[in-house]
Amino acid sequence: MAKFDADRAGAIASFVCAVHCAAVGLLVTVLPLIGLAFLHEPWVEVSFYAMAVVFGVWAAVRGWRLHRSFWPGVLFATGLSLVGFGHWMAGRHAELSPLETLGHLLSAGGGLTLVAFHVLNARMTKTHACSCHACVESRHEEAGA
């Protein structure tokens, strides 16, 4: 059975989130015409944000246990902040205003920052090779899988 990789799942979800934020911001007037108006609904936005939090916290905690670097966590917090602030900004302004567009772009940038967090965290976790219990256990699990 394959082991769940929170960084891989999070990177994919974050990329989809970034594309969603950019597309909704650019295509907000066209979405209802092509039957995709639901993409601009609050429940979709909350779902993406919740997935980012769950996958991100899972990956960040696992990564911290292995590599003890705070830099991936900084990227994670920055990405979540950009997504949250961007959605707040977009929701506070009328459709098609420059500030709403800026909010969508900030959210997309936050999604890409979350992708960068997952990539960095995965690389640091994979390349970390010390003799601490967590590293030895992780290598043992990977060898057995």
N, C-alpha and C. Protein backbone atom coordinates (compact mmCIF):
# COMPACT_ATOMS: atom_id res chain seq x y z
N MET A 1 0.85 -1.18 0.00
CA MET A 1 0.00 0.00 0.00
C MET A 1 0.89 1.24 0.00
N ALA A 2 0.56 2.18 -0.86
CA ALA A 2 1.36 3.40 -0.98
C ALA A 2 1.13 4.32 0.22
N LYS A 3 2.19 4.95 0.66
CA LYS A 3 2.12 5.87 1.79
C LYS A 3 1.61 7.22 1.30
N PHE A 4 0.71 7.85 2.07
CA PHE A 4 0.16 9.15 1.69
C PHE A 4 1.25 10.21 1.76
N ASP A 5 1.39 10.98 0.71
CA ASP A 5 2.38 12.05 0.64
C ASP A 5 1.66 13.39 0.69
N ALA A 6 1.64 14.00 1.87
CA ALA A 6 0.94 15.26 2.06
C ALA A 6 1.55 16.37 1.21
N ASP A 7 2.85 16.34 0.99
CA ASP A 7 3.48 17.37 0.16
C ASP A 7 3.03 17.25 -1.29
N ARG A 8 2.98 16.04 -1.82
CA ARG A 8 2.53 15.86 -3.20
C ARG A 8 1.06 16.27 -3.35
N ALA A 9 0.22 15.78 -2.44
CA ALA A 9 -1.21 16.13 -2.48
C ALA A 9 -1.39 17.64 -2.30
N GLY A 10 -0.65 18.21 -1.37
CA GLY A 10 -0.75 19.65 -1.12
C GLY A 10 -0.27 20.48 -2.28
N ALA A 11 0.81 20.06 -2.92
CA ALA A 11 1.32 20.80 -4.08
C ALA A 11 0.31 20.78 -5.22
N ILE A 12 -0.29 19.62 -5.46
CA ILE A 12 -1.30 19.52 -6.51
C ILE A 12 -2.52 20.37 -6.16
N ALA A 13 -3.01 20.24 -4.94
CA ALA A 13 -4.18 21.02 -4.51
C ALA A 13 -3.88 22.52 -4.55
N SER A 14 -2.69 22.92 -4.15
CA SER A 14 -2.33 24.34 -4.15
C SER A 14 -2.23 24.88 -5.57
N PHE A 15 -1.70 24.06 -6.49
CA PHE A 15 -1.62 24.49 -7.89
C PHE A 15 -3.02 24.66 -8.47
N VAL A 16 -3.89 23.70 -8.18
CA VAL A 16 -5.28 23.80 -8.66
C VAL A 16 -5.94 25.04 -8.05
N CYS A 17 -5.66 25.31 -6.80
CA CYS A 17 -6.19 26.49 -6.12
C CYS A 17 -5.70 27.77 -6.80
N ALA A 18 -4.42 27.83 -7.13
CA ALA A 18 -3.85 29.01 -7.79
C ALA A 18 -4.49 29.22 -9.16
N VAL A 19 -4.66 28.14 -9.92
CA VAL A 19 -5.31 28.24 -11.23
C VAL A 19 -6.76 28.69 -11.05
N HIS A 20 -7.44 28.13 -10.05
CA HIS A 20 -8.83 28.52 -9.77
C HIS A 20 -8.92 30.01 -9.46
N CYS A 21 -8.04 30.51 -8.58
CA CYS A 21 -8.08 31.93 -8.20
C CYS A 21 -7.84 32.83 -9.40
N ALA A 22 -6.86 32.48 -10.23
CA ALA A 22 -6.58 33.29 -11.41
C ALA A 22 -7.72 33.22 -12.42
N ALA A 23 -8.25 32.02 -12.64
CA ALA A 23 -9.32 31.86 -13.63
C ALA A 23 -10.59 32.57 -13.20
N VAL A 24 -10.96 32.44 -11.93
CA VAL A 24 -12.17 33.11 -11.44
C VAL A 24 -12.00 34.62 -11.55
N GLY A 25 -10.83 35.12 -11.23
CA GLY A 25 -10.59 36.56 -11.33
C GLY A 25 -10.65 37.07 -12.76
N LEU A 26 -10.17 36.29 -13.69
CA LEU A 26 -10.14 36.73 -15.08
C LEU A 26 -11.43 36.41 -15.83
N LEU A 27 -12.13 35.36 -15.43
CA LEU A 27 -13.29 34.89 -16.19
C LEU A 27 -14.61 35.05 -15.42
N VAL A 28 -14.65 35.92 -14.41
CA VAL A 28 -15.81 36.03 -13.55
C VAL A 28 -17.10 36.32 -14.34
N THR A 29 -17.02 37.08 -15.41
CA THR A 29 -18.22 37.39 -16.18
C THR A 29 -18.61 36.27 -17.14
N VAL A 30 -17.67 35.41 -17.50
CA VAL A 30 -17.93 34.34 -18.45
C VAL A 30 -18.40 33.05 -17.76
N LEU A 31 -18.03 32.87 -16.51
CA LEU A 31 -18.34 31.62 -15.79
C LEU A 31 -19.82 31.24 -15.85
N PRO A 32 -20.76 32.17 -15.60
CA PRO A 32 -22.17 31.78 -15.68
C PRO A 32 -22.59 31.33 -17.09
N LEU A 33 -21.97 31.90 -18.10
CA LEU A 33 -22.34 31.56 -19.48
C LEU A 33 -21.93 30.14 -19.86
N ILE A 34 -20.88 29.63 -19.21
CA ILE A 34 -20.41 28.28 -19.55
C ILE A 34 -20.74 27.26 -18.45
N GLY A 35 -21.64 27.66 -17.55
CA GLY A 35 -22.12 26.74 -16.53
C GLY A 35 -21.18 26.50 -15.37
N LEU A 36 -20.23 27.40 -15.15
CA LEU A 36 -19.26 27.23 -14.08
C LEU A 36 -19.35 28.32 -13.01
N ALA A 37 -20.52 28.92 -12.87
CA ALA A 37 -20.69 30.00 -11.89
C ALA A 37 -20.42 29.52 -10.47
N PHE A 38 -20.63 28.21 -10.21
CA PHE A 38 -20.41 27.68 -8.85
C PHE A 38 -18.96 27.84 -8.40
N LEU A 39 -18.03 27.99 -9.33
CA LEU A 39 -16.62 28.15 -8.96
C LEU A 39 -16.35 29.43 -8.18
N HIS A 40 -17.31 30.37 -8.26
CA HIS A 40 -17.16 31.64 -7.54
C HIS A 40 -17.96 31.64 -6.24
N GLU A 41 -18.51 30.48 -5.86
CA GLU A 41 -19.29 30.36 -4.64
C GLU A 41 -18.38 30.28 -3.42
N PRO A 42 -18.83 30.82 -2.29
CA PRO A 42 -18.02 30.78 -1.06
C PRO A 42 -17.63 29.36 -0.62
N TRP A 43 -18.51 28.37 -0.79
CA TRP A 43 -18.20 27.02 -0.34
C TRP A 43 -17.01 26.43 -1.11
N VAL A 44 -16.84 26.83 -2.38
CA VAL A 44 -15.70 26.36 -3.16
C VAL A 44 -14.42 26.99 -2.62
N GLU A 45 -14.49 28.28 -2.34
CA GLU A 45 -13.33 28.99 -1.80
C GLU A 45 -12.92 28.41 -0.44
N VAL A 46 -13.89 28.19 0.42
CA VAL A 46 -13.62 27.63 1.75
C VAL A 46 -13.05 26.22 1.64
N SER A 47 -13.56 25.45 0.70
CA SER A 47 -13.06 24.08 0.50
C SER A 47 -11.59 24.08 0.10
N PHE A 48 -11.22 24.95 -0.84
CA PHE A 48 -9.82 25.04 -1.24
C PHE A 48 -8.95 25.47 -0.06
N TYR A 49 -9.41 26.46 0.69
CA TYR A 49 -8.63 26.96 1.81
C TYR A 49 -8.47 25.87 2.88
N ALA A 50 -9.55 25.15 3.15
CA ALA A 50 -9.50 24.07 4.14
C ALA A 50 -8.52 22.98 3.71
N MET A 51 -8.55 22.61 2.43
CA MET A 51 -7.59 21.60 1.94
C MET A 51 -6.17 22.10 2.09
N ALA A 52 -5.94 23.38 1.79
CA ALA A 52 -4.59 23.94 1.93
C ALA A 52 -4.13 23.88 3.38
N VAL A 53 -5.02 24.17 4.31
CA VAL A 53 -4.66 24.14 5.73
C VAL A 53 -4.37 22.70 6.17
N VAL A 54 -5.25 21.77 5.83
CA VAL A 54 -5.07 20.38 6.27
C VAL A 54 -3.79 19.78 5.70
N PHE A 55 -3.62 19.84 4.36
CA PHE A 55 -2.42 19.28 3.75
C PHE A 55 -1.16 20.01 4.22
N GLY A 56 -1.26 21.32 4.35
CA GLY A 56 -0.10 22.12 4.75
C GLY A 56 0.35 21.83 6.16
N VAL A 57 -0.59 21.78 7.10
CA VAL A 57 -0.22 21.50 8.49
C VAL A 57 0.35 20.09 8.60
N TRP A 58 -0.30 19.14 7.93
CA TRP A 58 0.18 17.76 7.94
C TRP A 58 1.63 17.70 7.43
N ALA A 59 1.87 18.32 6.28
CA ALA A 59 3.21 18.29 5.69
C ALA A 59 4.22 19.08 6.53
N ALA A 60 3.80 20.22 7.05
CA ALA A 60 4.72 21.06 7.83
C ALA A 60 5.15 20.36 9.12
N VAL A 61 4.22 19.73 9.79
CA VAL A 61 4.56 19.03 11.04
C VAL A 61 5.50 17.87 10.74
N ARG A 62 5.17 17.08 9.72
CA ARG A 62 6.04 15.95 9.35
C ARG A 62 7.42 16.46 8.94
N GLY A 63 7.44 17.51 8.14
CA GLY A 63 8.72 18.08 7.71
C GLY A 63 9.54 18.61 8.87
N TRP A 64 8.90 19.34 9.78
CA TRP A 64 9.62 19.88 10.94
C TRP A 64 10.23 18.76 11.77
N ARG A 65 9.49 17.68 11.93
CA ARG A 65 10.01 16.55 12.71
C ARG A 65 11.27 15.97 12.06
N LEU A 66 11.36 16.06 10.74
CA LEU A 66 12.50 15.46 10.05
C LEU A 66 13.65 16.42 9.81
N HIS A 67 13.37 17.63 9.33
CA HIS A 67 14.48 18.51 8.94
C HIS A 67 14.70 19.69 9.87
N ARG A 68 13.76 20.00 10.74
CA ARG A 68 13.89 21.06 11.74
C ARG A 68 14.20 22.44 11.16
N SER A 69 13.78 22.70 9.93
CA SER A 69 13.98 24.02 9.33
C SER A 69 12.66 24.79 9.38
N PHE A 70 12.75 26.08 9.74
CA PHE A 70 11.55 26.89 9.81
C PHE A 70 11.17 27.52 8.47
N TRP A 71 12.06 27.47 7.47
CA TRP A 71 11.79 28.13 6.18
C TRP A 71 10.55 27.58 5.47
N PRO A 72 10.33 26.28 5.41
CA PRO A 72 9.09 25.83 4.79
C PRO A 72 7.85 26.38 5.52
N GLY A 73 7.92 26.46 6.83
CA GLY A 73 6.80 27.01 7.60
C GLY A 73 6.54 28.48 7.28
N VAL A 74 7.62 29.23 7.03
CA VAL A 74 7.48 30.63 6.64
C VAL A 74 6.75 30.73 5.31
N LEU A 75 7.14 29.88 4.35
CA LEU A 75 6.44 29.87 3.06
C LEU A 75 4.98 29.48 3.23
N PHE A 76 4.71 28.48 4.07
CA PHE A 76 3.35 28.03 4.32
C PHE A 76 2.51 29.17 4.88
N ALA A 77 3.00 29.84 5.91
CA ALA A 77 2.26 30.95 6.53
C ALA A 77 2.07 32.10 5.54
N THR A 78 3.08 32.39 4.74
CA THR A 78 2.97 33.45 3.74
C THR A 78 1.92 33.11 2.69
N GLY A 79 1.96 31.88 2.20
CA GLY A 79 0.99 31.45 1.19
C GLY A 79 -0.44 31.51 1.71
N LEU A 80 -0.67 30.97 2.92
CA LEU A 80 -2.01 31.03 3.50
C LEU A 80 -2.47 32.47 3.71
N SER A 81 -1.55 33.32 4.15
CA SER A 81 -1.89 34.73 4.36
C SER A 81 -2.27 35.41 3.05
N LEU A 82 -1.51 35.16 2.00
CA LEU A 82 -1.82 35.76 0.71
C LEU A 82 -3.17 35.28 0.18
N VAL A 83 -3.43 33.99 0.29
CA VAL A 83 -4.72 33.46 -0.17
C VAL A 83 -5.85 34.09 0.64
N GLY A 84 -5.71 34.09 1.96
CA GLY A 84 -6.76 34.65 2.81
C GLY A 84 -6.98 36.13 2.58
N PHE A 85 -5.91 36.91 2.53
CA PHE A 85 -6.03 38.35 2.30
C PHE A 85 -6.58 38.63 0.91
N GLY A 86 -6.14 37.87 -0.08
CA GLY A 86 -6.64 38.06 -1.44
C GLY A 86 -8.13 37.79 -1.54
N HIS A 87 -8.59 36.73 -0.88
CA HIS A 87 -10.03 36.44 -0.91
C HIS A 87 -10.82 37.49 -0.14
N TRP A 88 -10.27 37.94 0.96
CA TRP A 88 -10.93 39.00 1.71
C TRP A 88 -11.04 40.26 0.85
N MET A 89 -9.95 40.61 0.18
CA MET A 89 -9.94 41.81 -0.65
C MET A 89 -10.91 41.68 -1.83
N ALA A 90 -10.89 40.53 -2.48
CA ALA A 90 -11.78 40.32 -3.63
C ALA A 90 -13.24 40.35 -3.20
N GLY A 91 -13.54 39.84 -2.02
CA GLY A 91 -14.91 39.81 -1.55
C GLY A 91 -15.43 41.15 -1.07
N ARG A 92 -14.55 42.08 -0.77
CA ARG A 92 -14.95 43.38 -0.25
C ARG A 92 -15.20 44.42 -1.34
N HIS A 93 -14.90 44.08 -2.58
CA HIS A 93 -15.02 45.06 -3.66
C HIS A 93 -15.96 44.54 -4.74
N ALA A 94 -16.52 45.47 -5.48
CA ALA A 94 -17.48 45.13 -6.53
C ALA A 94 -16.79 44.33 -7.63
N GLU A 95 -17.60 43.46 -8.28
CA GLU A 95 -17.05 42.66 -9.38
C GLU A 95 -16.45 43.57 -10.44
N LEU A 96 -15.37 43.10 -11.01
CA LEU A 96 -14.65 43.76 -12.09
C LEU A 96 -13.93 45.04 -11.67
N SER A 97 -13.79 45.28 -10.37
CA SER A 97 -13.00 46.43 -9.93
C SER A 97 -11.53 46.03 -9.91
N PRO A 98 -10.64 47.00 -10.04
CA PRO A 98 -9.20 46.67 -9.99
C PRO A 98 -8.79 46.02 -8.67
N LEU A 99 -9.42 46.42 -7.57
CA LEU A 99 -9.06 45.83 -6.28
C LEU A 99 -9.53 44.38 -6.17
N GLU A 100 -10.67 44.06 -6.79
CA GLU A 100 -11.10 42.67 -6.80
C GLU A 100 -10.12 41.83 -7.62
N THR A 101 -9.69 42.36 -8.76
CA THR A 101 -8.71 41.66 -9.59
C THR A 101 -7.40 41.47 -8.84
N LEU A 102 -6.96 42.51 -8.13
CA LEU A 102 -5.74 42.39 -7.32
C LEU A 102 -5.91 41.32 -6.25
N GLY A 103 -7.08 41.24 -5.64
CA GLY A 103 -7.34 40.21 -4.65
C GLY A 103 -7.21 38.81 -5.24
N HIS A 104 -7.76 38.61 -6.45
CA HIS A 104 -7.64 37.31 -7.09
C HIS A 104 -6.18 36.99 -7.44
N LEU A 105 -5.44 38.01 -7.86
CA LEU A 105 -4.03 37.79 -8.19
C LEU A 105 -3.21 37.47 -6.93
N LEU A 106 -3.52 38.15 -5.82
CA LEU A 106 -2.84 37.83 -4.55
C LEU A 106 -3.15 36.40 -4.13
N SER A 107 -4.40 35.99 -4.29
CA SER A 107 -4.78 34.62 -3.94
C SER A 107 -4.04 33.61 -4.82
N ALA A 108 -3.95 33.89 -6.11
CA ALA A 108 -3.22 33.00 -7.02
C ALA A 108 -1.75 32.94 -6.63
N GLY A 109 -1.17 34.09 -6.30
CA GLY A 109 0.22 34.11 -5.84
C GLY A 109 0.40 33.33 -4.54
N GLY A 110 -0.59 33.41 -3.66
CA GLY A 110 -0.55 32.64 -2.43
C GLY A 110 -0.60 31.14 -2.71
N GLY A 111 -1.43 30.74 -3.69
CA GLY A 111 -1.49 29.33 -4.08
C GLY A 111 -0.15 28.85 -4.61
N LEU A 112 0.49 29.68 -5.42
CA LEU A 112 1.82 29.31 -5.95
C LEU A 112 2.86 29.28 -4.84
N THR A 113 2.73 30.15 -3.85
CA THR A 113 3.63 30.12 -2.70
C THR A 113 3.44 28.83 -1.91
N LEU A 114 2.19 28.36 -1.80
CA LEU A 114 1.94 27.09 -1.14
C LEU A 114 2.55 25.93 -1.92
N VAL A 115 2.52 26.01 -3.25
CA VAL A 115 3.19 24.98 -4.07
C VAL A 115 4.68 24.98 -3.75
N ALA A 116 5.28 26.19 -3.68
CA ALA A 116 6.71 26.29 -3.37
C ALA A 116 7.00 25.71 -1.99
N PHE A 117 6.12 25.96 -1.01
CA PHE A 117 6.28 25.38 0.32
C PHE A 117 6.34 23.86 0.24
N HIS A 118 5.39 23.26 -0.46
CA HIS A 118 5.35 21.79 -0.52
C HIS A 118 6.56 21.22 -1.24
N VAL A 119 7.00 21.88 -2.31
CA VAL A 119 8.18 21.39 -3.03
C VAL A 119 9.42 21.49 -2.15
N LEU A 120 9.61 22.64 -1.49
CA LEU A 120 10.77 22.81 -0.60
C LEU A 120 10.72 21.83 0.56
N ASN A 121 9.55 21.70 1.17
CA ASN A 121 9.41 20.79 2.31
C ASN A 121 9.70 19.35 1.90
N ALA A 122 9.19 18.94 0.75
CA ALA A 122 9.43 17.57 0.27
C ALA A 122 10.91 17.34 0.00
N ARG A 123 11.57 18.30 -0.62
CA ARG A 123 13.01 18.15 -0.90
C ARG A 123 13.82 18.09 0.38
N MET A 124 13.50 18.97 1.32
CA MET A 124 14.26 18.97 2.58
C MET A 124 14.00 17.68 3.36
N THR A 125 12.79 17.20 3.33
CA THR A 125 12.46 15.97 4.03
C THR A 125 13.16 14.78 3.40
N LYS A 126 13.18 14.75 2.07
CA LYS A 126 13.77 13.62 1.35
C LYS A 126 15.30 13.60 1.48
N THR A 127 15.93 14.76 1.47
CA THR A 127 17.39 14.80 1.49
C THR A 127 17.98 14.81 2.89
N HIS A 128 17.12 14.94 3.90
CA HIS A 128 17.63 14.98 5.26
C HIS A 128 18.11 13.59 5.66
N ALA A 129 19.35 13.49 6.06
CA ALA A 129 19.91 12.17 6.40
C ALA A 129 20.80 12.29 7.63
N CYS A 130 20.18 12.21 8.76
CA CYS A 130 20.98 12.18 9.99
C CYS A 130 20.67 10.88 10.72
N SER A 131 21.17 10.75 11.89
CA SER A 131 20.96 9.51 12.62
C SER A 131 19.91 9.64 13.72
N CYS A 132 19.11 10.71 13.67
CA CYS A 132 18.06 10.85 14.67
C CYS A 132 17.00 9.77 14.45
N HIS A 133 16.24 9.50 15.47
CA HIS A 133 15.26 8.42 15.43
C HIS A 133 14.27 8.60 14.27
N ALA A 134 13.77 9.82 14.07
CA ALA A 134 12.78 10.07 13.01
C ALA A 134 13.36 9.77 11.64
N CYS A 135 14.62 10.14 11.41
CA CYS A 135 15.23 9.91 10.09
C CYS A 135 15.49 8.43 9.86
N VAL A 136 15.99 7.76 10.87
CA VAL A 136 16.25 6.33 10.74
C VAL A 136 14.94 5.59 10.49
N GLU A 137 13.91 5.95 11.24
CA GLU A 137 12.59 5.32 11.08
C GLU A 137 12.03 5.60 9.68
N SER A 138 12.17 6.83 9.21
CA SER A 138 11.66 7.19 7.88
C SER A 138 12.38 6.40 6.78
N ARG A 139 13.70 6.30 6.89
CA ARG A 139 14.46 5.52 5.88
C ARG A 139 14.07 4.06 5.93
N HIS A 140 13.82 3.55 7.14
CA HIS A 140 13.44 2.16 7.28
C HIS A 140 12.08 1.91 6.61
N GLU A 141 11.13 2.84 6.81
CA GLU A 141 9.80 2.71 6.20
C GLU A 141 9.90 2.76 4.68
N GLU A 142 10.72 3.69 4.15
CA GLU A 142 10.86 3.82 2.69
C GLU A 142 11.51 2.58 2.09
N ALA A 143 12.47 2.00 2.80
CA ALA A 143 13.12 0.80 2.28
C ALA A 143 12.17 -0.39 2.26
N GLY A 144 11.27 -0.43 3.23
CA GLY A 144 10.32 -1.53 3.31
C GLY A 144 9.14 -1.37 2.36
N ALA A 145 8.88 -0.14 1.90
CA ALA A 145 7.71 0.11 1.04
C ALA A 145 7.96 -0.18 -0.40
